[in-house]
Every structure is written in C-alpha cells, then in structure tokens.
N, C-alpha and C. Protein backbone atom coordinates (compact mmCIF):
# COMPACT_ATOMS: atom_id res chain seq x y z
N MET A 1 33.64 73.46 -89.90
CA MET A 1 34.16 73.48 -91.26
C MET A 1 34.92 72.18 -91.56
N ARG A 2 35.54 71.63 -90.55
CA ARG A 2 36.32 70.41 -90.72
C ARG A 2 35.43 69.23 -91.12
N ARG A 3 34.22 69.19 -90.52
CA ARG A 3 33.29 68.11 -90.84
C ARG A 3 32.85 68.20 -92.30
N PHE A 4 32.66 69.41 -92.79
CA PHE A 4 32.25 69.59 -94.18
C PHE A 4 33.34 69.13 -95.14
N ILE A 5 34.57 69.48 -94.86
CA ILE A 5 35.70 69.06 -95.70
C ILE A 5 35.83 67.54 -95.67
N ASN A 6 35.67 66.95 -94.50
CA ASN A 6 35.72 65.49 -94.37
C ASN A 6 34.59 64.85 -95.19
N TYR A 7 33.42 65.44 -95.13
CA TYR A 7 32.29 64.95 -95.91
C TYR A 7 32.60 64.97 -97.41
N LEU A 8 33.18 66.06 -97.89
CA LEU A 8 33.54 66.15 -99.31
C LEU A 8 34.58 65.10 -99.70
N LYS A 9 35.56 64.89 -98.85
CA LYS A 9 36.58 63.88 -99.13
C LYS A 9 35.97 62.48 -99.19
N GLU A 10 35.12 62.15 -98.23
CA GLU A 10 34.49 60.84 -98.20
C GLU A 10 33.55 60.64 -99.40
N SER A 11 32.87 61.70 -99.78
CA SER A 11 31.98 61.62 -100.94
C SER A 11 32.78 61.35 -102.21
N TYR A 12 33.91 62.02 -102.35
CA TYR A 12 34.76 61.81 -103.52
C TYR A 12 35.26 60.37 -103.58
N VAL A 13 35.72 59.85 -102.45
CA VAL A 13 36.22 58.47 -102.40
C VAL A 13 35.09 57.51 -102.76
N GLU A 14 33.91 57.74 -102.21
CA GLU A 14 32.80 56.84 -102.49
C GLU A 14 32.42 56.87 -103.97
N LEU A 15 32.39 58.05 -104.57
CA LEU A 15 32.01 58.16 -105.98
C LEU A 15 33.06 57.59 -106.92
N THR A 16 34.32 57.65 -106.54
CA THR A 16 35.37 57.16 -107.44
C THR A 16 35.77 55.71 -107.18
N LYS A 17 35.64 55.23 -105.95
CA LYS A 17 36.12 53.88 -105.62
C LYS A 17 35.01 52.86 -105.37
N LYS A 18 33.87 53.29 -104.84
CA LYS A 18 32.86 52.33 -104.39
C LYS A 18 31.64 52.22 -105.29
N VAL A 19 31.34 53.26 -106.04
CA VAL A 19 30.15 53.25 -106.88
C VAL A 19 30.43 52.46 -108.15
N SER A 20 29.47 51.63 -108.54
CA SER A 20 29.58 50.86 -109.77
C SER A 20 28.83 51.60 -110.88
N TRP A 21 29.57 52.24 -111.75
CA TRP A 21 28.95 53.02 -112.82
C TRP A 21 28.63 52.11 -114.00
N PRO A 22 27.50 52.33 -114.70
CA PRO A 22 27.17 51.49 -115.85
C PRO A 22 28.10 51.77 -117.03
N SER A 23 28.23 50.77 -117.89
CA SER A 23 29.04 50.97 -119.09
C SER A 23 28.28 51.85 -120.07
N TRP A 24 29.00 52.40 -121.05
CA TRP A 24 28.38 53.29 -122.02
C TRP A 24 27.27 52.61 -122.82
N PRO A 25 27.44 51.39 -123.33
CA PRO A 25 26.35 50.73 -124.06
C PRO A 25 25.12 50.46 -123.18
N LYS A 26 25.35 50.08 -121.93
CA LYS A 26 24.22 49.84 -121.02
C LYS A 26 23.50 51.15 -120.73
N LEU A 27 24.24 52.23 -120.57
CA LEU A 27 23.64 53.53 -120.33
C LEU A 27 22.81 53.98 -121.53
N GLN A 28 23.33 53.75 -122.74
CA GLN A 28 22.59 54.10 -123.95
C GLN A 28 21.31 53.29 -124.07
N SER A 29 21.37 52.00 -123.80
CA SER A 29 20.17 51.17 -123.92
C SER A 29 19.12 51.57 -122.88
N SER A 30 19.56 51.93 -121.68
CA SER A 30 18.63 52.39 -120.65
C SER A 30 17.98 53.71 -121.06
N ALA A 31 18.77 54.60 -121.63
CA ALA A 31 18.23 55.89 -122.07
C ALA A 31 17.22 55.70 -123.20
N LEU A 32 17.52 54.78 -124.12
CA LEU A 32 16.58 54.51 -125.20
C LEU A 32 15.28 53.89 -124.67
N LEU A 33 15.39 53.05 -123.66
CA LEU A 33 14.21 52.46 -123.05
C LEU A 33 13.35 53.54 -122.39
N VAL A 34 13.96 54.45 -121.68
CA VAL A 34 13.22 55.54 -121.05
C VAL A 34 12.59 56.43 -122.11
N LEU A 35 13.32 56.74 -123.17
CA LEU A 35 12.79 57.58 -124.24
C LEU A 35 11.60 56.90 -124.92
N GLY A 36 11.72 55.62 -125.23
CA GLY A 36 10.63 54.89 -125.88
C GLY A 36 9.40 54.83 -124.99
N THR A 37 9.58 54.56 -123.71
CA THR A 37 8.46 54.49 -122.78
C THR A 37 7.78 55.86 -122.66
N THR A 38 8.57 56.92 -122.61
CA THR A 38 8.01 58.27 -122.52
C THR A 38 7.18 58.60 -123.75
N ILE A 39 7.68 58.26 -124.93
CA ILE A 39 6.94 58.53 -126.16
C ILE A 39 5.66 57.71 -126.19
N LEU A 40 5.73 56.46 -125.78
CA LEU A 40 4.55 55.60 -125.75
C LEU A 40 3.48 56.14 -124.80
N LEU A 41 3.89 56.54 -123.61
CA LEU A 41 2.94 57.09 -122.65
C LEU A 41 2.35 58.42 -123.12
N ALA A 42 3.15 59.25 -123.76
CA ALA A 42 2.65 60.52 -124.29
C ALA A 42 1.61 60.26 -125.38
N ALA A 43 1.87 59.29 -126.24
CA ALA A 43 0.91 58.95 -127.29
C ALA A 43 -0.38 58.41 -126.69
N LEU A 44 -0.27 57.58 -125.66
CA LEU A 44 -1.45 57.03 -125.00
C LEU A 44 -2.28 58.13 -124.35
N ILE A 45 -1.64 59.05 -123.68
CA ILE A 45 -2.36 60.17 -123.06
C ILE A 45 -3.00 61.04 -124.13
N PHE A 46 -2.34 61.24 -125.26
CA PHE A 46 -2.92 62.01 -126.35
C PHE A 46 -4.19 61.35 -126.88
N VAL A 47 -4.15 60.03 -127.07
CA VAL A 47 -5.32 59.31 -127.57
C VAL A 47 -6.48 59.39 -126.57
N ILE A 48 -6.19 59.20 -125.30
CA ILE A 48 -7.23 59.28 -124.28
C ILE A 48 -7.83 60.69 -124.23
N ASP A 49 -6.97 61.71 -124.27
CA ASP A 49 -7.44 63.09 -124.26
C ASP A 49 -8.30 63.39 -125.48
N PHE A 50 -7.88 62.93 -126.65
CA PHE A 50 -8.64 63.14 -127.88
C PHE A 50 -10.01 62.46 -127.79
N ALA A 51 -10.05 61.24 -127.25
CA ALA A 51 -11.31 60.50 -127.12
C ALA A 51 -12.25 61.23 -126.16
N PHE A 52 -11.75 61.65 -125.01
CA PHE A 52 -12.60 62.36 -124.06
C PHE A 52 -13.10 63.69 -124.63
N GLN A 53 -12.28 64.37 -125.39
CA GLN A 53 -12.70 65.62 -126.00
C GLN A 53 -13.87 65.38 -126.94
N ASN A 54 -13.77 64.35 -127.77
CA ASN A 54 -14.85 64.04 -128.70
C ASN A 54 -16.11 63.58 -127.97
N ILE A 55 -15.94 62.80 -126.93
CA ILE A 55 -17.10 62.36 -126.15
C ILE A 55 -17.80 63.54 -125.51
N MET A 56 -17.05 64.45 -124.93
CA MET A 56 -17.65 65.62 -124.28
C MET A 56 -18.32 66.53 -125.31
N GLU A 57 -17.71 66.72 -126.46
CA GLU A 57 -18.36 67.53 -127.50
C GLU A 57 -19.67 66.88 -127.95
N PHE A 58 -19.71 65.56 -128.07
CA PHE A 58 -20.93 64.87 -128.44
C PHE A 58 -22.01 65.06 -127.38
N ILE A 59 -21.63 64.95 -126.10
CA ILE A 59 -22.58 65.12 -125.01
C ILE A 59 -23.12 66.55 -124.97
N TYR A 60 -22.25 67.54 -125.17
CA TYR A 60 -22.69 68.94 -125.10
C TYR A 60 -23.61 69.31 -126.27
N LYS A 61 -23.50 68.61 -127.41
CA LYS A 61 -24.34 68.91 -128.56
C LYS A 61 -25.74 68.33 -128.40
N LEU A 62 -25.93 67.42 -127.45
CA LEU A 62 -27.26 66.84 -127.23
C LEU A 62 -28.21 67.80 -126.70
C-alpha cells in the first residue's frame, strides 16, 4: 500500500511541477485544427462512399 501512495504523490508532483501544459490560446488553436481535419476527412470519406455507391449501382444495372 505504501508503494501505491508513493506513486500517487510522485504523479501529483510530476503533473504540477514538471509537465509543461499548453496555454489556452494554443489549446484552442490545436482543437480547431483537429476539428477542421476531422470534418475534412469525414467529407472526403462521404464523397468516396457516394462515388462507389453510384459506380456499384451502375455495374449492377448492366
């Protein structure tokens, strides 16, 4: 049990003293970049899926 308590104490010190947290504006810009990339990839997958659906329907009608 002592090792677990020591682990928790060391983790707290590391998270509060040693970790370099990003600033709020940098965090917001990173989140917007991830959101934009996700939307772009979703749109690309939608277009590819739509194209394949139409191609397969054309092939099946032959």
